[in-house]
Amino acid sequence: MAKKDQQTTAPEAPAQAPQPAQQPAPSLTLQDLVLVAQIIQLTSQRGAFKAEELADVGGLYNKLIAFLQASGALTPPSAAPTEETN
C-alpha cells in the first residue's frame, strides 16, 4: 500500500481589522465644574434663560455650588465683618 503524502497546515488565524487608536476616557474635573458654575452665572446675568427655565437652572446651580463647596473646590462665602466708619 502506498502512503499518500499528507501535508498538515496550521489553520489560518482570521484576519483582524486594524484597531482604531484608543482615545482616553472622557474626564470631568472639579475645575470644569467650577467653570460650569461661572458660565451659569454669566448667562443668567445676560438674560440667556427664559423665565420658565430659571427654576431649573437655579436649582442645578445651587446643587452644583453645594457639591463644589463640600468637595473643597470652592470655599463657602464667609460673613464679611462689618466695618464701622466714623
C-alpha atoms as a PDB file:
ATOM      1  CA  MET A   1       0.000   0.000   0.000  1.00  0.00           C
ATOM      2  CA  ALA A   2       1.292   3.364  -0.918  1.00  0.00           C
ATOM      3  CA  LYS A   3       1.073   6.136   1.560  1.00  0.00           C
ATOM      4  CA  LYS A   4      -0.248   9.385   0.352  1.00  0.00           C
ATOM      5  CA  ASP A   5       1.728  12.377   1.410  1.00  0.00           C
ATOM      6  CA  GLN A   6      -0.389  14.344   3.740  1.00  0.00           C
ATOM      7  CA  GLN A   7       0.541  17.869   4.337  1.00  0.00           C
ATOM      8  CA  THR A   8      -0.715  19.322   7.519  1.00  0.00           C
ATOM      9  CA  THR A   9      -1.184  23.017   7.605  1.00  0.00           C
ATOM     10  CA  ALA A  10      -1.974  25.062  10.611  1.00  0.00           C
ATOM     11  CA  PRO A  11      -5.362  26.697  10.439  1.00  0.00           C
ATOM     12  CA  GLU A  12      -5.034  30.292   9.424  1.00  0.00           C
ATOM     13  CA  ALA A  13      -5.862  32.889  12.020  1.00  0.00           C
ATOM     14  CA  PRO A  14      -8.708  35.124  10.943  1.00  0.00           C
ATOM     15  CA  ALA A  15      -7.546  38.467   9.656  1.00  0.00           C
ATOM     16  CA  GLN A  16      -8.045  41.105  12.295  1.00  0.00           C
ATOM     17  CA  ALA A  17      -9.297  44.502  11.364  1.00  0.00           C
ATOM     18  CA  PRO A  18      -6.951  47.279  12.416  1.00  0.00           C
ATOM     19  CA  GLN A  19      -7.887  48.589  15.847  1.00  0.00           C
ATOM     20  CA  PRO A  20      -8.658  52.311  15.987  1.00  0.00           C
ATOM     21  CA  ALA A  21      -6.379  54.282  18.242  1.00  0.00           C
ATOM     22  CA  GLN A  22      -7.683  54.140  21.799  1.00  0.00           C
ATOM     23  CA  GLN A  23      -8.876  57.513  22.950  1.00  0.00           C
ATOM     24  CA  PRO A  24      -8.607  58.455  26.600  1.00  0.00           C
ATOM     25  CA  ALA A  25     -11.782  58.110  28.598  1.00  0.00           C
ATOM     26  CA  PRO A  26     -13.703  61.356  28.993  1.00  0.00           C
ATOM     27  CA  SER A  27     -12.956  63.098  32.240  1.00  0.00           C
ATOM     28  CA  LEU A  28     -14.522  65.909  34.192  1.00  0.00           C
ATOM     29  CA  THR A  29     -12.586  67.709  36.882  1.00  0.00           C
ATOM     30  CA  LEU A  30     -13.666  69.946  39.727  1.00  0.00           C
ATOM     31  CA  GLN A  31     -12.182  72.880  37.809  1.00  0.00           C
ATOM     32  CA  ASP A  32     -14.504  72.027  34.919  1.00  0.00           C
ATOM     33  CA  LEU A  33     -17.471  72.153  37.299  1.00  0.00           C
ATOM     34  CA  VAL A  34     -16.321  75.500  38.692  1.00  0.00           C
ATOM     35  CA  LEU A  35     -16.236  76.762  35.110  1.00  0.00           C
ATOM     36  CA  VAL A  36     -19.792  75.475  34.548  1.00  0.00           C
ATOM     37  CA  ALA A  37     -20.954  77.408  37.625  1.00  0.00           C
ATOM     38  CA  GLN A  38     -19.310  80.554  36.269  1.00  0.00           C
ATOM     39  CA  ILE A  39     -20.965  80.034  32.886  1.00  0.00           C
ATOM     40  CA  ILE A  40     -24.376  79.682  34.553  1.00  0.00           C
ATOM     41  CA  GLN A  41     -23.783  82.931  36.458  1.00  0.00           C
ATOM     42  CA  LEU A  42     -22.705  84.787  33.332  1.00  0.00           C
ATOM     43  CA  THR A  43     -25.500  83.533  31.108  1.00  0.00           C
ATOM     44  CA  SER A  44     -28.167  84.266  33.694  1.00  0.00           C
ATOM     45  CA  GLN A  45     -26.828  87.821  34.108  1.00  0.00           C
ATOM     46  CA  ARG A  46     -27.059  88.278  30.333  1.00  0.00           C
ATOM     47  CA  GLY A  47     -30.630  87.034  30.209  1.00  0.00           C
ATOM     48  CA  ALA A  48     -29.916  83.848  28.258  1.00  0.00           C
ATOM     49  CA  PHE A  49     -32.630  81.847  30.035  1.00  0.00           C
ATOM     50  CA  LYS A  50     -36.388  82.115  29.688  1.00  0.00           C
ATOM     51  CA  ALA A  51     -38.408  82.799  32.815  1.00  0.00           C
ATOM     52  CA  GLU A  52     -39.828  79.265  32.878  1.00  0.00           C
ATOM     53  CA  GLU A  53     -36.285  77.846  32.791  1.00  0.00           C
ATOM     54  CA  LEU A  54     -34.945  79.841  35.717  1.00  0.00           C
ATOM     55  CA  ALA A  55     -36.179  77.492  38.446  1.00  0.00           C
ATOM     56  CA  ASP A  56     -34.435  74.511  36.858  1.00  0.00           C
ATOM     57  CA  VAL A  57     -31.246  76.444  36.146  1.00  0.00           C
ATOM     58  CA  GLY A  58     -31.203  77.906  39.656  1.00  0.00           C
ATOM     59  CA  GLY A  59     -31.811  74.507  41.249  1.00  0.00           C
ATOM     60  CA  LEU A  60     -28.963  72.963  39.276  1.00  0.00           C
ATOM     61  CA  TYR A  61     -26.703  75.896  40.109  1.00  0.00           C
ATOM     62  CA  ASN A  62     -27.459  75.561  43.840  1.00  0.00           C
ATOM     63  CA  LYS A  63     -26.728  71.811  43.765  1.00  0.00           C
ATOM     64  CA  LEU A  64     -23.511  72.424  41.842  1.00  0.00           C
ATOM     65  CA  ILE A  65     -22.306  75.091  44.291  1.00  0.00           C
ATOM     66  CA  ALA A  66     -23.144  72.866  47.282  1.00  0.00           C
ATOM     67  CA  PHE A  67     -21.185  69.998  45.713  1.00  0.00           C
ATOM     68  CA  LEU A  68     -18.190  72.202  44.932  1.00  0.00           C
ATOM     69  CA  GLN A  69     -18.154  73.603  48.472  1.00  0.00           C
ATOM     70  CA  ALA A  70     -18.406  70.126  50.001  1.00  0.00           C
ATOM     71  CA  SER A  71     -15.545  68.897  47.805  1.00  0.00           C
ATOM     72  CA  GLY A  72     -13.355  71.872  48.723  1.00  0.00           C
ATOM     73  CA  ALA A  73     -13.181  73.240  45.189  1.00  0.00           C
ATOM     74  CA  LEU A  74     -14.989  76.367  46.379  1.00  0.00           C
ATOM     75  CA  THR A  75     -14.927  77.939  49.769  1.00  0.00           C
ATOM     76  CA  PRO A  76     -18.273  78.981  51.207  1.00  0.00           C
ATOM     77  CA  PRO A  77     -18.737  82.726  51.283  1.00  0.00           C
ATOM     78  CA  SER A  78     -17.694  83.962  54.690  1.00  0.00           C
ATOM     79  CA  ALA A  79     -19.669  86.533  56.547  1.00  0.00           C
ATOM     80  CA  ALA A  80     -17.834  89.748  55.899  1.00  0.00           C
ATOM     81  CA  PRO A  81     -17.062  91.625  59.078  1.00  0.00           C
ATOM     82  CA  THR A  82     -18.913  94.873  59.236  1.00  0.00           C
ATOM     83  CA  GLU A  83     -16.682  97.880  59.406  1.00  0.00           C
ATOM     84  CA  GLU A  84     -17.804 100.924  61.251  1.00  0.00           C
ATOM     85  CA  THR A  85     -16.984 104.195  59.634  1.00  0.00           C
ATOM     86  CA  ASN A  86     -16.730 107.352  61.728  1.00  0.00           C
END
